[in-house]
Amino acid sequence: MGLLPGLLGLSFLLGGITFILKQAGPIINVVNNTLLFLSGGFVPLDTFPNWVVTITKHLPTTQAISIFRNSIQ
C-alpha cells in the first residue's frame, strides 16, 4: 500500500523542482538512475551491504520492481 503514495510523493517532488528550476533534466536523471541502481534494477540487492538493503526495502521503486519480477516468473 506504500507504493502509490511513495511514487506520487516522488512525482510531486520532481515536478516542484522542474517548476522552480525550469530545467531539471539532469537532476531528474540523477534521481532516476540512483533509484534504479538502489532498487535492484541494475544489480541484485544481495550484492549490497546490509545497511543499504535496509534502506532500499523502503523505496517505492524496489517494491515495484519486485512486483514486476514476481509477475513474470
Protein backbone atom coordinates (compact mmCIF):
# COMPACT_ATOMS: atom_id res chain seq x y z
CA MET A 1 0.00 0.00 0.00
CA GLY A 2 3.02 2.28 0.40
CA LEU A 3 3.90 2.04 -3.29
CA LEU A 4 1.39 4.52 -4.71
CA PRO A 5 1.84 7.32 -2.13
CA GLY A 6 5.62 6.96 -2.42
CA LEU A 7 5.56 7.30 -6.18
CA LEU A 8 3.11 10.21 -6.00
CA GLY A 9 5.32 11.99 -3.49
CA LEU A 10 8.38 11.47 -5.66
CA SER A 11 6.48 12.75 -8.70
CA PHE A 12 5.37 15.89 -6.86
CA LEU A 13 8.92 16.49 -5.63
CA LEU A 14 10.40 16.22 -9.12
CA GLY A 15 7.55 18.31 -10.55
CA GLY A 16 8.24 21.04 -8.00
CA ILE A 17 11.94 21.01 -8.85
CA THR A 18 11.07 21.34 -12.52
CA PHE A 19 8.67 24.21 -11.80
CA ILE A 20 11.30 26.12 -9.81
CA LEU A 21 14.40 25.44 -11.91
CA LYS A 22 12.69 25.27 -15.35
CA GLN A 23 15.40 22.81 -16.48
CA ALA A 24 15.52 19.89 -14.12
CA GLY A 25 16.50 17.19 -16.63
CA PRO A 26 19.95 16.49 -15.16
CA ILE A 27 18.61 16.40 -11.60
CA ILE A 28 15.80 14.05 -12.59
CA ASN A 29 18.27 11.79 -14.40
CA VAL A 30 20.49 11.56 -11.31
CA VAL A 31 17.50 10.75 -9.08
CA ASN A 32 16.13 8.23 -11.57
CA ASN A 33 19.42 6.40 -12.07
CA THR A 34 20.13 6.35 -8.33
CA LEU A 35 16.70 4.88 -7.61
CA LEU A 36 17.10 2.25 -10.32
CA PHE A 37 20.54 1.31 -9.05
CA LEU A 38 19.42 1.07 -5.41
CA SER A 39 16.15 -0.69 -6.18
CA GLY A 40 17.73 -3.70 -7.81
CA GLY A 41 17.01 -2.62 -11.36
CA PHE A 42 20.63 -2.93 -12.47
CA VAL A 43 22.20 -5.25 -9.88
CA PRO A 44 20.68 -7.73 -7.39
CA LEU A 45 20.04 -6.45 -3.89
CA ASP A 46 22.11 -9.33 -2.49
CA THR A 47 25.29 -7.58 -3.63
CA PHE A 48 24.69 -4.54 -1.40
CA PRO A 49 25.74 -4.26 2.25
CA ASN A 50 23.03 -4.93 4.84
CA TRP A 51 22.59 -1.26 5.76
CA VAL A 52 21.90 -0.38 2.10
CA VAL A 53 19.42 -3.25 1.74
CA THR A 54 17.57 -1.94 4.80
CA ILE A 55 17.18 1.45 3.11
CA THR A 56 16.28 0.05 -0.31
CA LYS A 57 13.43 -2.08 1.03
CA HIS A 58 11.54 1.16 1.76
CA LEU A 59 11.93 2.66 -1.71
CA PRO A 60 8.77 2.55 -3.85
CA THR A 61 10.79 1.56 -6.90
CA THR A 62 12.15 -1.53 -5.12
CA GLN A 63 8.62 -2.68 -4.40
CA ALA A 64 7.53 -2.03 -7.99
CA ILE A 65 10.46 -3.99 -9.44
CA SER A 66 9.79 -6.84 -7.03
CA ILE A 67 6.11 -6.97 -8.04
CA PHE A 68 7.05 -6.93 -11.73
CA ARG A 69 9.66 -9.70 -11.33
CA ASN A 70 7.20 -11.90 -9.40
CA SER A 71 4.52 -11.40 -12.05
CA ILE A 72 6.72 -12.62 -14.93
CA GLN A 73 8.08 -15.71 -13.17
